[in-house]
Protein backbone atom coordinates (compact mmCIF):
# COMPACT_ATOMS: atom_id res chain seq x y z
CA UNK A 1 -25.59 -132.07 -21.46
CA UNK A 2 -27.83 -134.30 -20.62
CA UNK A 3 -28.39 -136.16 -17.12
CA UNK A 4 -30.48 -138.75 -16.32
CA UNK A 5 -33.55 -138.01 -15.30
CA UNK A 6 -33.29 -134.30 -15.52
CA UNK A 7 -35.33 -133.22 -19.22
CA UNK A 8 -33.56 -129.88 -20.26
CA UNK A 9 -32.62 -128.03 -23.14
CA UNK A 10 -30.06 -125.86 -24.67
CA UNK A 11 -26.36 -126.09 -26.29
CA UNK A 12 -23.28 -127.32 -25.73
CA UNK A 13 -19.70 -127.69 -27.94
CA UNK A 14 -16.14 -127.41 -27.53
CA UNK A 15 -13.57 -127.38 -30.75
CA UNK A 16 -9.72 -127.46 -31.50
CA UNK A 17 -7.95 -125.32 -34.26
CA UNK A 18 -6.42 -122.50 -35.84
CA UNK A 19 -7.14 -119.00 -35.54
CA UNK A 20 -5.39 -116.04 -38.12
CA UNK A 21 -6.03 -112.44 -36.72
CA UNK A 22 -5.40 -108.77 -37.49
CA UNK A 23 -5.07 -106.52 -34.16
CA UNK A 24 -4.66 -103.18 -33.44
CA UNK A 25 -3.37 -101.74 -29.98
CA UNK A 26 -3.10 -97.69 -29.50
CA UNK A 27 -1.04 -96.52 -26.84
CA UNK A 28 1.18 -93.58 -27.45
CA UNK A 29 3.08 -94.80 -30.36
CA UNK A 30 0.44 -97.31 -31.24
CA UNK A 31 0.72 -101.04 -33.00
CA UNK A 32 -1.03 -102.94 -35.78
CA UNK A 33 -0.18 -106.67 -36.43
CA UNK A 34 -1.28 -109.45 -38.06
CA UNK A 35 -1.10 -113.04 -36.19
CA UNK A 36 -1.74 -117.01 -36.39
CA UNK A 37 -2.42 -119.11 -32.89
CA UNK A 38 -3.90 -122.60 -31.65
CA UNK A 39 -7.15 -122.38 -30.05
CA UNK A 40 -9.61 -124.37 -27.88
CA UNK A 41 -13.19 -122.84 -27.55
CA UNK A 42 -15.84 -124.22 -25.01
CA UNK A 43 -19.18 -122.70 -25.17
CA UNK A 44 -22.88 -123.77 -23.40
CA UNK A 45 -26.00 -122.88 -22.39
CA UNK A 46 -28.29 -124.90 -20.24
CA UNK A 47 -31.74 -124.65 -19.31
CA UNK A 48 -34.33 -127.09 -17.23
CA UNK A 49 -37.66 -126.36 -15.58
CA UNK A 50 -35.88 -124.73 -12.85
CA UNK A 51 -32.39 -124.19 -13.48
CA UNK A 52 -30.00 -122.15 -15.93
CA UNK A 53 -26.24 -122.50 -16.96
CA UNK A 54 -23.95 -120.99 -19.35
CA UNK A 55 -20.42 -121.79 -19.44
CA UNK A 56 -17.47 -119.88 -21.95
CA UNK A 57 -13.78 -121.49 -21.87
CA UNK A 58 -11.18 -120.14 -24.53
CA UNK A 59 -7.11 -121.38 -24.17
CA UNK A 60 -4.92 -119.54 -26.88
CA UNK A 61 -1.33 -120.24 -27.85
CA UNK A 62 0.65 -118.44 -30.72
CA UNK A 63 2.59 -115.70 -32.38
CA UNK A 64 0.92 -112.11 -32.81
CA UNK A 65 3.54 -110.60 -34.76
CA UNK A 66 5.41 -108.87 -31.88
CA UNK A 67 5.74 -111.99 -29.60
CA UNK A 68 4.36 -114.41 -27.94
CA UNK A 69 0.23 -114.36 -27.75
CA UNK A 70 -1.74 -116.43 -24.96
CA UNK A 71 -5.49 -116.58 -23.61
CA UNK A 72 -7.02 -118.73 -20.68
CA UNK A 73 -10.46 -117.46 -19.55
CA UNK A 74 -12.95 -119.21 -17.79
CA UNK A 75 -16.57 -117.53 -17.88
CA UNK A 76 -19.62 -119.37 -16.23
CA UNK A 77 -22.71 -118.51 -14.08
CA UNK A 78 -25.37 -121.15 -12.46
CA UNK A 79 -29.05 -120.32 -10.57
CA UNK A 80 -32.41 -120.16 -10.90
CA UNK A 81 -35.29 -119.96 -14.08
CA UNK A 82 -38.59 -119.45 -13.18
CA UNK A 83 -41.06 -120.87 -16.60
CA UNK A 84 -43.96 -117.95 -16.62
CA UNK A 85 -44.99 -119.46 -20.42
CA UNK A 86 -44.01 -122.86 -21.98
CA UNK A 87 -40.74 -121.16 -23.92
CA UNK A 88 -39.97 -118.32 -21.77
CA UNK A 89 -38.94 -117.30 -18.20
CA UNK A 90 -36.91 -115.08 -16.24
CA UNK A 91 -33.73 -116.09 -14.71
CA UNK A 92 -31.31 -115.31 -12.20
CA UNK A 93 -27.40 -116.46 -12.01
CA UNK A 94 -24.61 -116.42 -10.03
CA UNK A 95 -21.24 -115.99 -11.83
CA UNK A 96 -17.63 -115.75 -12.09
CA UNK A 97 -14.72 -114.72 -14.35
CA UNK A 98 -11.12 -115.52 -14.84
CA UNK A 99 -9.16 -114.47 -17.74
CA UNK A 100 -5.73 -113.45 -18.41
CA UNK A 101 -4.68 -112.35 -21.89
CA UNK A 102 -1.91 -110.78 -23.68
CA UNK A 103 -1.90 -110.25 -27.25
CA UNK A 104 -0.22 -107.20 -29.76
CA UNK A 105 1.52 -105.94 -27.12
CA UNK A 106 -1.65 -105.66 -24.52
CA UNK A 107 -2.31 -107.14 -21.48
CA UNK A 108 -5.41 -107.56 -19.21
CA UNK A 109 -6.01 -109.78 -16.74
CA UNK A 110 -9.19 -109.63 -14.84
CA UNK A 111 -10.96 -111.86 -11.34
CA UNK A 112 -14.61 -111.45 -11.02
CA UNK A 113 -16.64 -113.64 -8.30
CA UNK A 114 -20.06 -113.58 -6.92
CA UNK A 115 -21.37 -111.29 -10.03
CA UNK A 116 -25.08 -111.10 -10.58
CA UNK A 117 -26.87 -111.63 -13.50
CA UNK A 118 -30.64 -111.02 -14.21
CA UNK A 119 -32.85 -111.14 -17.57
CA UNK A 120 -34.65 -114.03 -19.45
CA UNK A 121 -34.26 -117.35 -21.68
CA UNK A 122 -36.23 -118.80 -24.35
CA UNK A 123 -36.42 -122.04 -25.32
CA UNK A 124 -38.51 -123.51 -28.99
CA UNK A 125 -37.21 -125.65 -30.88
CA UNK A 126 -34.14 -124.75 -32.46
CA UNK A 127 -33.97 -121.72 -30.88
CA UNK A 128 -31.93 -120.96 -27.93
CA UNK A 129 -31.94 -117.38 -26.41
CA UNK A 130 -30.30 -116.13 -23.38
CA UNK A 131 -30.09 -112.44 -21.99
CA UNK A 132 -29.05 -111.01 -19.18
CA UNK A 133 -27.66 -107.86 -17.04
CA UNK A 134 -24.62 -108.15 -15.39
CA UNK A 135 -23.71 -106.52 -12.30
CA UNK A 136 -20.90 -107.34 -9.28
CA UNK A 137 -17.45 -106.92 -8.59
CA UNK A 138 -13.67 -107.19 -9.86
CA UNK A 139 -11.86 -107.91 -7.51
CA UNK A 140 -8.20 -107.42 -9.03
CA UNK A 141 -7.32 -107.04 -12.52
CA UNK A 142 -4.74 -105.35 -14.65
CA UNK A 143 -4.48 -103.76 -18.00
CA UNK A 144 -0.99 -103.11 -19.68
CA UNK A 145 -0.60 -101.45 -22.69
CA UNK A 146 2.95 -99.42 -23.69
CA UNK A 147 3.32 -96.75 -21.29
CA UNK A 148 -0.03 -97.41 -19.45
CA UNK A 149 -0.29 -99.55 -16.65
CA UNK A 150 -3.41 -99.61 -14.68
CA UNK A 151 -5.02 -101.73 -12.08
CA UNK A 152 -9.13 -102.91 -12.46
CA UNK A 153 -11.28 -103.75 -9.01
CA UNK A 154 -14.38 -101.90 -8.25
CA UNK A 155 -18.00 -102.16 -9.61
CA UNK A 156 -18.21 -103.82 -12.82
CA UNK A 157 -21.67 -104.14 -15.02
CA UNK A 158 -22.68 -104.95 -18.71
CA UNK A 159 -24.65 -107.17 -21.02
CA UNK A 160 -24.33 -110.75 -22.10
CA UNK A 161 -26.63 -112.29 -24.85
CA UNK A 162 -25.80 -116.15 -25.56
CA UNK A 163 -28.26 -117.28 -28.23
CA UNK A 164 -28.40 -120.73 -30.40
CA UNK A 165 -30.43 -121.13 -33.88
CA UNK A 166 -30.17 -124.93 -35.83
CA UNK A 167 -26.13 -124.57 -37.04
CA UNK A 168 -25.15 -120.77 -35.73
CA UNK A 169 -24.32 -119.49 -32.78
CA UNK A 170 -23.76 -116.19 -31.22
CA UNK A 171 -22.18 -114.68 -28.04
CA UNK A 172 -21.95 -111.00 -27.51
CA UNK A 173 -20.89 -109.45 -24.40
CA UNK A 174 -20.00 -105.99 -23.33
CA UNK A 175 -19.14 -104.74 -19.78
CA UNK A 176 -18.02 -102.03 -17.69
CA UNK A 177 -15.19 -102.39 -15.46
CA UNK A 178 -14.50 -100.69 -12.51
CA UNK A 179 -17.18 -98.47 -13.26
CA UNK A 180 -16.58 -96.75 -9.93
CA UNK A 181 -13.03 -95.74 -10.13
CA UNK A 182 -11.81 -92.26 -10.12
CA UNK A 183 -10.50 -93.08 -13.77
CA UNK A 184 -13.70 -93.89 -15.53
CA UNK A 185 -14.08 -97.88 -16.46
CA UNK A 186 -12.47 -99.93 -18.62
CA UNK A 187 -14.46 -100.92 -21.60
CA UNK A 188 -14.56 -104.81 -22.96
CA UNK A 189 -16.95 -105.43 -25.80
CA UNK A 190 -16.89 -109.13 -27.57
CA UNK A 191 -18.52 -110.71 -30.27
CA UNK A 192 -18.68 -113.75 -32.04
CA UNK A 193 -20.77 -115.81 -34.55
CA UNK A 194 -19.91 -119.68 -35.40
CA UNK A 195 -21.64 -121.24 -37.83
CA UNK A 196 -21.41 -125.54 -37.95
CA UNK A 197 -20.24 -127.34 -41.23
CA UNK A 198 -20.81 -130.36 -42.90
CA UNK A 199 -23.78 -132.47 -42.61
CA UNK A 200 -25.51 -133.13 -39.31
CA UNK A 201 -26.26 -136.59 -38.06
CA UNK A 202 -29.39 -137.20 -36.31
CA UNK A 203 -27.87 -138.54 -33.18
CA UNK A 204 -24.47 -139.62 -31.77
CA UNK A 205 -22.40 -142.37 -33.50
CA UNK A 206 -21.68 -145.54 -31.81
CA UNK A 207 -18.44 -145.19 -32.79
CA UNK A 208 -17.95 -141.63 -31.23
CA UNK A 209 -19.54 -142.56 -27.78
CA UNK A 210 -19.05 -146.12 -27.22
CA UNK A 211 -20.99 -149.22 -28.05
CA UNK A 212 -22.84 -148.92 -24.88
CA UNK A 213 -23.10 -145.11 -24.32
CA UNK A 214 -26.44 -143.81 -24.17
CA UNK A 215 -27.51 -141.23 -26.59
CA UNK A 216 -28.41 -138.38 -24.29
CA UNK A 217 -28.93 -135.16 -26.55
CA UNK A 218 -32.03 -135.82 -28.02
CA UNK A 219 -32.71 -136.32 -31.85
CA UNK A 220 -31.76 -133.81 -32.75
CA UNK A 221 -27.87 -134.02 -31.26
CA UNK A 222 -25.03 -133.18 -33.07
CA UNK A 223 -21.83 -135.62 -32.62
CA UNK A 224 -18.03 -134.47 -34.27
CA UNK A 225 -18.38 -131.34 -36.55
CA UNK A 226 -16.35 -128.60 -37.91
CA UNK A 227 -17.11 -125.17 -37.38
CA UNK A 228 -16.11 -121.93 -39.10
CA UNK A 229 -16.15 -118.75 -36.18
CA UNK A 230 -15.83 -115.35 -36.96
CA UNK A 231 -14.53 -112.95 -33.67
CA UNK A 232 -14.65 -109.45 -33.03
CA UNK A 233 -13.50 -107.58 -29.71
CA UNK A 234 -12.56 -104.02 -28.77
CA UNK A 235 -11.25 -102.41 -25.76
CA UNK A 236 -10.76 -98.74 -24.17
CA UNK A 237 -9.31 -98.02 -21.00
CA UNK A 238 -8.40 -94.46 -19.36
CA UNK A 239 -5.27 -94.15 -18.76
CA UNK A 240 -3.64 -93.70 -15.12
CA UNK A 241 -2.34 -90.10 -15.38
CA UNK A 242 0.55 -91.12 -12.13
CA UNK A 243 1.60 -93.88 -13.78
CA UNK A 244 2.89 -92.42 -16.76
CA UNK A 245 3.97 -89.17 -15.03
CA UNK A 246 0.83 -87.07 -16.13
CA UNK A 247 0.34 -87.86 -19.20
CA UNK A 248 -3.52 -88.38 -20.70
CA UNK A 249 -3.17 -91.47 -23.18
CA UNK A 250 -6.00 -93.28 -23.49
CA UNK A 251 -5.66 -96.75 -24.69
CA UNK A 252 -7.83 -98.79 -27.13
CA UNK A 253 -7.20 -102.08 -28.59
CA UNK A 254 -9.09 -104.27 -31.76
CA UNK A 255 -9.37 -107.64 -32.91
CA UNK A 256 -10.98 -109.78 -35.95
CA UNK A 257 -10.40 -113.08 -36.12
CA UNK A 258 -11.84 -115.93 -38.13
CA UNK A 259 -11.38 -119.69 -36.57
CA UNK A 260 -11.79 -122.82 -37.91
CA UNK A 261 -12.51 -125.48 -35.12
CA UNK A 262 -13.23 -129.41 -35.03
CA UNK A 263 -15.08 -130.70 -32.15
CA UNK A 264 -18.14 -131.86 -30.86
CA UNK A 265 -21.28 -130.16 -30.65
CA UNK A 266 -24.93 -130.78 -29.38
CA UNK A 267 -28.13 -129.35 -28.87
CA UNK A 268 -31.08 -130.21 -26.62
CA UNK A 269 -34.23 -129.96 -27.63
CA UNK A 270 -36.76 -128.13 -25.26
CA UNK A 271 -38.12 -131.17 -22.77
CA UNK A 272 -41.91 -131.54 -24.08
CA UNK A 273 -42.54 -132.85 -20.63
CA UNK A 274 -42.63 -129.25 -18.90
CA UNK A 275 -43.79 -127.46 -21.94
CA UNK A 276 -40.60 -125.81 -22.35
């Protein structure tokens, strides 16, 4: 998170662990099940005087009660921050998203490149808050669920919220994919809250960073920690009537999971030099 000579605020973390979940998918006859998988999750939010960045990445591997379950996801953006007050300012970023998910009999893939994010960031003490509106093109993708197969492309818009306070991290996002399609958009809603477990050290330890490593995460840096995360996702896709023989069968999927993760987590305090 830190770079020599650059003052910054924000947080970052990466954890590995296990995620039991319950899921329900409805397409035609529908399907409900429970599952269990191994998971990697990385997330971060960075704010300097003029730059703003965020990222999320995920890898899932496991069994969903029906068959193989997996996900590979990268969602990131980089752009400008314009400080208006000591703690607040608008942000403008360009982003990309690449995802492939297969779970409980349904699958979704999406490639979004060159999307724009417009909103604001707030950073004061242990509180970090980033809210943006998303607008950009989905270049290609698909949703498969039972008899439904629908390609994804076209204009995508939505809202992203990324925030952190002390030992609590919150991520919420909703997107309408292919909003200019004659079939209507595919709705993708996701939310996750993570709480860090255990006692927080004042700074990273030499044993975990090396004897010669410099602590770059500030006085409130956090090293290896456990975390418990609760995630909820919901999606809805109108059918491609031609692909299912004219039958109008909308498809929905919902999952709820609880993850126990262990990894590295750090928080950067606002940089007093710039009054952030």
